[in-house]
């Protein structure tokens, strides 16, 4: 594979970073103070094409592919990591799941507005107490009542749920059938009663772009909004998480690069005993490890994206890239904190913020322990990580 980004993708990634510097950073303090969701910024991002890379042009996308998704996700997270969430909710996990599994009517109704930033998306799988076994421990139920389903239960850690217009949500249509009883739904929280979302305060993370607890009380979903057949939900969720790992991994690379950039700048400016601290070997050791980790993580993410772009199985590469990229970002954040010393805790510098977002990404789309299990079972021949049929509508027909 080519180890450099295509020129047009690299140029667009640079434009994404400039947008974040010029359009996001100067305006976000007001949103953070109020806690208001920055809907107008998300719509500007959509209009600029940030979310359309994995979608065909007839839906308003650019058909640029998954390498472009990775490059955009890295670029936005390097400058404004709180907006990295948007690459999942507006550019991948929510709209791509609808595109990948929905019928023609569902795709036409929901996908164009999501990738344009005109409607805000969410992805609701995890439940309180469910942890990494979100499907096996699922308690939320969906009962058919004529032309609608009535949903009852709760979800936890649902990004953008307080602002969402559209979402993909999973519930049990057969309580006692384990994974086979799960069904996926396209939900419209603002259209029907019975949906409530409470923001979860998290120190160090955005007050404006938040995760939420969701409560469903006879929440109505039209039967026409069911995504796939009853019982397809587990397959839908696992497929969605595979593509979600692309954006999460790339976002981790962006944070690792941000930590490295800050550490290099500070090491060249901070003087101790009449010498920049970058001239001391202990600092050089930290910088070398950070640079190598970041480069290696980026290459693993590009490999995953390239497999997706050619319609090949990518779950093995996704698990390994997600695991390594987040671990690399953790080490980069720790290295930056060591170089900055006490200033790593000061609001004057962004190290504390980067560390908080790295810790958040560590649990998104599967914790390190979950990835270790998937990677270990695959390497030992217990379970082939790429055993499932590829379902990637952008690069081929949907697999039934």
Protein backbone atom coordinates (compact mmCIF):
# COMPACT_ATOMS: atom_id res chain seq x y z
CA UNK A 1 0.00 0.00 0.00
CA UNK A 2 1.02 3.62 -0.47
CA UNK A 3 2.24 5.09 2.82
CA UNK A 4 1.33 8.66 1.94
CA UNK A 5 -2.07 10.26 1.65
CA UNK A 6 -3.30 11.06 -1.86
CA UNK A 7 -2.62 14.71 -2.58
CA UNK A 8 -6.29 15.72 -2.67
CA UNK A 9 -7.03 14.00 0.66
CA UNK A 10 -3.99 15.56 2.32
CA UNK A 11 -5.07 18.99 1.06
CA UNK A 12 -8.58 18.49 2.39
CA UNK A 13 -7.24 17.38 5.78
CA UNK A 14 -5.23 20.60 5.93
CA UNK A 15 -8.39 22.55 5.13
CA UNK A 16 -10.19 20.74 7.96
CA UNK A 17 -7.47 21.77 10.42
CA UNK A 18 -7.65 25.40 9.22
CA UNK A 19 -11.43 25.36 9.59
CA UNK A 20 -11.06 24.15 13.17
CA UNK A 21 -8.51 26.85 13.94
CA UNK A 22 -10.50 29.66 12.31
CA UNK A 23 -14.15 28.69 12.79
CA UNK A 24 -14.25 26.49 15.90
CA UNK A 25 -11.58 27.61 18.37
CA UNK A 26 -12.57 31.32 18.38
CA UNK A 27 -16.27 30.58 18.97
CA UNK A 28 -16.39 27.59 21.33
CA UNK A 29 -15.92 29.43 24.63
CA UNK A 30 -19.45 30.85 24.43
CA UNK A 31 -20.93 27.40 23.78
CA UNK A 32 -18.91 25.90 26.62
CA UNK A 33 -20.08 28.57 29.04
CA UNK A 34 -23.74 28.08 28.14
CA UNK A 35 -23.62 24.32 27.51
CA UNK A 36 -25.52 24.93 24.27
CA UNK A 37 -25.02 22.41 21.47
CA UNK A 38 -23.09 24.11 18.61
CA UNK A 39 -25.53 23.13 15.90
CA UNK A 40 -24.48 25.92 13.54
CA UNK A 41 -20.85 24.79 13.63
CA UNK A 42 -21.84 21.20 12.89
CA UNK A 43 -23.92 22.39 9.95
CA UNK A 44 -20.97 24.40 8.62
CA UNK A 45 -18.83 21.27 8.88
CA UNK A 46 -21.46 19.34 6.96
CA UNK A 47 -21.69 22.00 4.27
CA UNK A 48 -17.90 21.89 3.91
CA UNK A 49 -18.04 18.16 3.20
CA UNK A 50 -16.46 16.87 6.42
CA UNK A 51 -19.00 14.08 6.87
CA UNK A 52 -19.61 12.87 3.33
CA UNK A 53 -16.46 10.95 2.44
CA UNK A 54 -18.02 7.50 2.96
CA UNK A 55 -21.16 8.26 0.95
CA UNK A 56 -21.96 8.46 -2.77
CA UNK A 57 -22.53 11.75 -4.50
CA UNK A 58 -26.24 11.10 -5.09
CA UNK A 59 -26.74 11.35 -1.30
CA UNK A 60 -24.66 14.50 -0.97
CA UNK A 61 -21.43 12.70 -0.22
CA UNK A 62 -18.08 12.88 -1.99
CA UNK A 63 -17.30 9.15 -2.41
CA UNK A 64 -13.76 9.96 -1.26
CA UNK A 65 -13.58 6.77 0.77
CA UNK A 66 -12.40 5.57 4.14
CA UNK A 67 -8.82 6.81 3.93
CA UNK A 68 -10.38 10.27 3.63
CA UNK A 69 -12.59 9.56 6.66
CA UNK A 70 -9.47 8.68 8.66
CA UNK A 71 -7.58 11.79 7.52
CA UNK A 72 -10.49 14.11 8.33
CA UNK A 73 -11.04 12.49 11.73
CA UNK A 74 -7.36 12.86 12.62
CA UNK A 75 -7.24 16.48 11.47
CA UNK A 76 -10.29 17.65 13.41
CA UNK A 77 -9.22 15.82 16.58
CA UNK A 78 -5.73 17.27 16.47
CA UNK A 79 -7.12 20.81 16.69
CA UNK A 80 -10.58 20.49 18.30
CA UNK A 81 -10.92 17.01 19.83
CA UNK A 82 -14.42 17.64 21.14
CA UNK A 83 -15.62 17.78 17.52
CA UNK A 84 -14.15 14.37 16.82
CA UNK A 85 -17.46 13.02 18.13
CA UNK A 86 -19.07 14.46 15.00
CA UNK A 87 -17.10 12.14 12.77
CA UNK A 88 -18.97 9.23 14.36
CA UNK A 89 -22.41 10.72 14.79
CA UNK A 90 -22.54 12.66 11.51
CA UNK A 91 -20.02 10.90 9.30
CA UNK A 92 -19.84 7.22 10.22
CA UNK A 93 -21.51 5.27 13.05
CA UNK A 94 -25.00 6.76 12.76
CA UNK A 95 -25.45 7.63 9.05
CA UNK A 96 -23.25 4.86 7.65
CA UNK A 97 -25.18 2.24 9.60
CA UNK A 98 -28.42 3.53 8.06
CA UNK A 99 -26.76 3.60 4.64
CA UNK A 100 -25.28 0.12 5.07
CA UNK A 101 -28.42 -1.59 6.41
CA UNK A 102 -31.37 0.59 5.48
CA UNK A 103 -33.79 0.32 2.60
CA UNK A 104 -33.92 2.92 -0.17
CA UNK A 105 -36.60 4.99 1.57
CA UNK A 106 -34.75 5.06 4.88
CA UNK A 107 -31.48 6.02 3.23
CA UNK A 108 -33.11 8.85 1.28
CA UNK A 109 -35.03 10.15 4.32
CA UNK A 110 -32.17 10.27 6.81
CA UNK A 111 -28.68 10.03 5.36
CA UNK A 112 -28.42 13.26 3.30
CA UNK A 113 -29.46 15.50 6.20
CA UNK A 114 -27.13 13.74 8.64
CA UNK A 115 -24.03 14.11 6.51
CA UNK A 116 -25.02 17.70 5.69
CA UNK A 117 -25.12 18.48 9.42
CA UNK A 118 -28.76 19.55 9.12
CA UNK A 119 -29.88 16.81 11.48
CA UNK A 120 -27.89 15.67 14.49
CA UNK A 121 -27.28 11.94 14.88
CA UNK A 122 -26.68 9.49 17.72
CA UNK A 123 -25.92 5.79 18.19
CA UNK A 124 -27.60 4.16 21.20
CA UNK A 125 -26.29 0.71 22.08
CA UNK A 126 -24.74 0.76 25.58
CA UNK A 127 -26.92 0.42 28.68
CA UNK A 128 -26.35 1.05 32.40
CA UNK A 129 -24.48 -1.92 33.86
CA UNK A 130 -23.93 -3.39 30.40
CA UNK A 131 -20.32 -2.31 29.97
CA UNK A 132 -18.60 -4.03 27.07
CA UNK A 133 -21.34 -6.68 26.87
CA UNK A 134 -23.86 -4.16 25.58
CA UNK A 135 -25.73 -6.73 23.50
CA UNK A 136 -25.69 -9.68 25.89
CA UNK A 137 -26.90 -7.64 28.85
CA UNK A 138 -29.47 -5.56 26.96
CA UNK A 139 -32.70 -4.90 28.87
CA UNK A 140 -34.39 -2.27 26.69
CA UNK A 141 -37.45 -3.78 25.01
CA UNK A 142 -39.41 -3.06 21.84
CA UNK A 143 -42.96 -4.41 21.57
CA UNK A 144 -44.86 -4.32 18.27
CA UNK A 145 -48.20 -2.49 18.52
CA UNK A 146 -49.79 -2.35 15.08
CA UNK A 147 -47.78 -0.03 12.87
CA UNK A 148 -45.42 1.06 15.65
CA UNK A 149 -43.04 -0.36 18.24
CA UNK A 150 -43.14 0.85 21.84
CA UNK A 151 -39.72 1.03 23.44
CA UNK A 152 -39.01 0.97 27.18
CA UNK A 153 -35.69 1.00 28.98
CA UNK A 154 -32.56 3.11 29.21
CA UNK A 155 -29.23 3.72 27.52
CA UNK A 156 -25.98 5.16 28.85
CA UNK A 157 -23.07 7.15 27.39
CA UNK A 158 -25.05 8.18 24.32
CA UNK A 159 -23.22 11.00 22.55
CA UNK A 160 -25.39 13.91 21.33
CA UNK A 161 -28.62 12.28 22.59
CA UNK A 162 -29.71 15.59 24.13
CA UNK A 163 -29.53 17.27 20.70
CA UNK A 164 -30.25 14.35 18.36
CA UNK A 165 -32.85 14.49 15.61
CA UNK A 166 -32.12 10.97 14.33
CA UNK A 167 -30.44 7.95 15.83
CA UNK A 168 -29.80 4.24 15.54
CA UNK A 169 -31.04 2.51 18.70
CA UNK A 170 -31.04 -1.16 19.70
CA UNK A 171 -33.70 -2.98 21.72
CA UNK A 172 -34.87 -6.51 22.46
CA UNK A 173 -37.87 -7.64 20.41
CA UNK A 174 -37.49 -11.11 21.99
CA UNK A 175 -36.48 -10.88 25.64
CA UNK A 176 -35.17 -14.41 26.08
CA UNK A 177 -33.34 -14.95 22.78
CA UNK A 178 -29.98 -13.45 23.71
CA UNK A 179 -28.17 -11.75 20.82
CA UNK A 180 -30.72 -13.14 18.37
CA UNK A 181 -33.50 -11.14 20.02
CA UNK A 182 -31.98 -7.71 19.31
CA UNK A 183 -33.44 -5.41 16.67
CA UNK A 184 -32.14 -2.09 15.32
CA UNK A 185 -34.35 0.97 14.89
CA UNK A 186 -34.00 4.40 13.35
CA UNK A 187 -35.40 6.70 16.03
CA UNK A 188 -36.55 10.32 15.93
CA UNK A 189 -36.32 11.65 19.49
CA UNK A 190 -37.89 15.05 18.83
CA UNK A 191 -40.83 13.67 16.87
CA UNK A 192 -42.34 11.31 19.47
CA UNK A 193 -42.96 11.49 23.21
CA UNK A 194 -41.29 9.18 25.68
CA UNK A 195 -37.63 10.02 24.99
CA UNK A 196 -35.56 11.88 27.61
CA UNK A 197 -31.83 12.58 27.75
CA UNK A 198 -29.78 13.85 30.69
CA UNK A 199 -26.25 15.11 30.16
CA UNK A 200 -23.52 13.29 32.07
CA UNK A 201 -21.05 15.79 33.59
CA UNK A 202 -17.44 14.78 32.85
CA UNK A 203 -14.61 16.94 34.12
CA UNK A 204 -12.19 17.94 31.40
CA UNK A 205 -14.55 17.21 28.51
CA UNK A 206 -16.87 19.54 26.64
CA UNK A 207 -20.00 20.89 28.33
CA UNK A 208 -21.45 21.54 24.89
CA UNK A 209 -20.84 18.26 23.03
CA UNK A 210 -21.76 15.67 25.62
CA UNK A 211 -22.63 12.08 26.41
CA UNK A 212 -26.01 11.38 27.97
CA UNK A 213 -28.18 8.97 29.86
CA UNK A 214 -31.31 8.13 27.83
CA UNK A 215 -34.67 7.06 29.22
CA UNK A 216 -37.39 5.48 27.08
CA UNK A 217 -40.96 5.42 28.35
CA UNK A 218 -43.34 3.93 25.77
CA UNK A 219 -41.25 5.74 23.17
CA UNK A 220 -42.85 5.24 19.79
CA UNK A 221 -40.98 4.10 16.69
CA UNK A 222 -42.84 3.50 13.40
CA UNK A 223 -42.46 -0.04 12.09
CA UNK A 224 -41.22 1.56 8.87
CA UNK A 225 -38.18 2.77 10.86
CA UNK A 226 -37.03 -0.71 11.79
CA UNK A 227 -33.50 -1.17 10.43
CA UNK A 228 -33.35 -4.62 8.87
CA UNK A 229 -35.47 -7.48 10.14
CA UNK A 230 -36.34 -8.35 13.71
CA UNK A 231 -33.35 -10.15 15.19
CA UNK A 232 -30.81 -8.50 12.86
CA UNK A 233 -29.72 -6.00 15.52
CA UNK A 234 -26.63 -7.79 16.77
CA UNK A 235 -25.19 -8.08 13.25
CA UNK A 236 -26.03 -4.43 12.61
CA UNK A 237 -24.31 -3.33 15.83
CA UNK A 238 -21.13 -5.35 15.30
CA UNK A 239 -20.82 -4.09 11.74
CA UNK A 240 -21.37 -0.51 12.89
CA UNK A 241 -18.68 -0.81 15.56
CA UNK A 242 -16.17 -2.04 12.98
CA UNK A 243 -16.57 1.16 10.98
CA UNK A 244 -16.76 3.20 14.18
CA UNK A 245 -13.32 1.93 15.11
CA UNK A 246 -11.96 3.69 12.04
CA UNK A 247 -12.97 7.14 13.26
CA UNK A 248 -12.11 6.42 16.91
CA UNK A 249 -8.64 5.14 15.94
CA UNK A 250 -7.98 8.12 13.68
CA UNK A 251 -9.14 10.48 16.40
CA UNK A 252 -6.66 8.86 18.79
CA UNK A 253 -3.90 9.45 16.22
CA UNK A 254 -4.95 13.09 16.02
CA UNK A 255 -4.66 13.43 19.79
CA UNK A 256 -1.28 11.67 19.84
CA UNK A 257 -0.05 14.08 17.15
CA UNK A 258 -1.42 17.05 19.11
CA UNK A 259 0.46 15.92 22.24
CA UNK A 260 3.63 15.45 20.19
CA UNK A 261 3.31 18.87 18.56
CA UNK A 262 2.81 20.60 21.90
CA UNK A 263 5.68 18.69 23.48
CA UNK A 264 8.07 19.56 20.64
CA UNK A 265 7.16 23.25 20.75
CA UNK A 266 7.48 23.42 24.51
CA UNK A 267 10.79 21.50 24.49
CA UNK A 268 12.28 23.99 22.05
CA UNK A 269 11.09 27.01 24.07
CA UNK A 270 11.52 25.97 27.70
CA UNK A 271 15.00 26.76 28.95
CA UNK A 272 16.72 25.17 31.94
CA UNK A 273 20.34 25.90 32.82
CA UNK A 274 20.66 28.08 29.72
CA UNK A 275 19.62 25.24 27.38
CA UNK A 276 16.28 24.33 25.78
CA UNK A 277 15.05 21.17 27.49
CA UNK A 278 14.87 19.53 24.05
CA UNK A 279 18.66 19.28 24.16
CA UNK A 280 18.50 16.92 27.14
CA UNK A 281 18.51 13.23 26.26
CA UNK A 282 15.69 12.30 28.65
CA UNK A 283 13.36 14.68 26.79
CA UNK A 284 14.63 13.43 23.44
CA UNK A 285 13.84 9.88 24.56
CA UNK A 286 10.23 10.85 25.31
CA UNK A 287 9.87 12.72 22.01
CA UNK A 288 11.32 9.81 20.04
CA UNK A 289 8.87 7.34 21.58
CA UNK A 290 5.92 9.67 20.97
CA UNK A 291 6.91 10.29 17.35
CA UNK A 292 7.38 6.59 16.62
CA UNK A 293 4.15 5.55 18.33
CA UNK A 294 2.15 8.19 16.46
CA UNK A 295 3.63 7.23 13.10
CA UNK A 296 2.99 3.52 13.69
CA UNK A 297 -0.59 4.13 14.82
CA UNK A 298 -1.29 6.25 11.75
CA UNK A 299 -0.03 3.50 9.46
CA UNK A 300 -2.25 0.92 11.18
CA UNK A 301 -5.26 3.20 10.74
CA UNK A 302 -4.44 3.72 7.06
CA UNK A 303 -4.16 -0.04 6.58
CA UNK A 304 -7.63 -0.50 8.09
CA UNK A 305 -9.05 2.29 5.92
CA UNK A 306 -7.41 0.85 2.79
CA UNK A 307 -8.99 -2.55 3.43
CA UNK A 308 -12.38 -0.86 3.78
CA UNK A 309 -11.77 1.10 0.59
CA UNK A 310 -11.17 -2.12 -1.34
CA UNK A 311 -14.14 -3.93 0.21
CA UNK A 312 -11.99 -6.46 2.08
CA UNK A 313 -12.55 -7.81 5.60
CA UNK A 314 -11.23 -5.25 8.07
CA UNK A 315 -12.30 -6.36 11.54
CA UNK A 316 -8.87 -7.79 12.42
CA UNK A 317 -7.14 -4.61 11.31
CA UNK A 318 -9.77 -2.49 13.05
CA UNK A 319 -9.31 -4.17 16.43
CA UNK A 320 -5.53 -3.96 16.24
CA UNK A 321 -5.53 -0.35 15.06
CA UNK A 322 -8.02 0.77 17.70
CA UNK A 323 -6.05 -0.94 20.46
CA UNK A 324 -2.65 0.36 19.37
CA UNK A 325 -3.78 3.90 18.46
CA UNK A 326 -5.38 4.51 21.83
CA UNK A 327 -2.39 3.04 23.69
CA UNK A 328 -0.12 5.26 21.60
CA UNK A 329 -2.24 8.28 22.47
CA UNK A 330 -2.09 7.38 26.16
CA UNK A 331 1.69 7.18 26.02
CA UNK A 332 1.86 10.47 24.10
CA UNK A 333 -0.31 12.21 26.68
CA UNK A 334 1.81 10.81 29.51
CA UNK A 335 5.02 11.85 27.74
CA UNK A 336 3.70 15.36 27.14
CA UNK A 337 2.67 15.62 30.79
CA UNK A 338 6.18 14.62 31.89
CA UNK A 339 7.76 17.21 29.61
CA UNK A 340 5.38 19.99 30.69
CA UNK A 341 5.63 18.96 34.36
CA UNK A 342 3.39 21.22 36.47
CA UNK A 343 2.27 23.20 33.44
CA UNK A 344 0.51 20.07 32.14
CA UNK A 345 -2.16 20.84 34.76
CA UNK A 346 -2.51 24.50 33.79
CA UNK A 347 -5.37 25.71 31.61
CA UNK A 348 -2.80 27.77 29.71
CA UNK A 349 -1.78 24.58 27.88
CA UNK A 350 -4.07 21.91 26.36
CA UNK A 351 -2.36 18.80 27.79
CA UNK A 352 -5.00 18.21 30.45
CA UNK A 353 -7.72 18.49 27.81
CA UNK A 354 -5.96 16.09 25.45
CA UNK A 355 -5.51 13.57 28.26
CA UNK A 356 -9.22 13.69 29.08
CA UNK A 357 -10.17 12.98 25.47
CA UNK A 358 -7.64 10.17 25.17
CA UNK A 359 -9.19 8.54 28.25
CA UNK A 360 -12.64 8.92 26.70
CA UNK A 361 -11.55 7.27 23.44
CA UNK A 362 -10.06 4.40 25.44
CA UNK A 363 -13.57 3.10 26.17
CA UNK A 364 -15.29 3.99 22.88
CA UNK A 365 -15.94 1.17 20.39
CA UNK A 366 -14.43 -1.40 22.77
CA UNK A 367 -12.00 -1.03 25.68
CA UNK A 368 -8.39 -2.19 25.56
CA UNK A 369 -9.33 -5.44 27.29
CA UNK A 370 -12.08 -6.14 24.76
CA UNK A 371 -9.67 -5.51 21.90
CA UNK A 372 -7.06 -7.76 23.53
CA UNK A 373 -9.59 -10.59 23.67
CA UNK A 374 -10.55 -10.14 20.02
CA UNK A 375 -6.92 -9.88 18.93
CA UNK A 376 -5.78 -12.78 21.12
CA UNK A 377 -8.57 -15.14 20.06
CA UNK A 378 -7.86 -14.31 16.43
CA UNK A 379 -4.09 -14.82 16.74
CA UNK A 380 -4.59 -18.12 18.58
CA UNK A 381 -7.00 -19.43 15.97
CA UNK A 382 -9.91 -19.58 18.41
CA UNK A 383 -12.09 -17.11 16.50
CA UNK A 384 -11.21 -15.64 13.12
CA UNK A 385 -11.70 -11.89 13.50
CA UNK A 386 -12.57 -11.63 9.80
CA UNK A 387 -15.00 -14.56 9.81
CA UNK A 388 -18.11 -12.48 9.14
CA UNK A 389 -19.18 -11.55 5.58
CA UNK A 390 -18.15 -8.06 4.53
CA UNK A 391 -21.00 -5.57 4.51
CA UNK A 392 -19.75 -2.32 3.00
CA UNK A 393 -22.33 -0.80 0.71
CA UNK A 394 -20.00 1.99 -0.42
CA UNK A 395 -17.64 -0.56 -1.98
CA UNK A 396 -20.02 -3.29 -3.04
CA UNK A 397 -23.57 -4.63 -2.78
CA UNK A 398 -25.00 -5.28 0.67
CA UNK A 399 -24.40 -8.85 1.84
CA UNK A 400 -27.53 -10.68 2.94
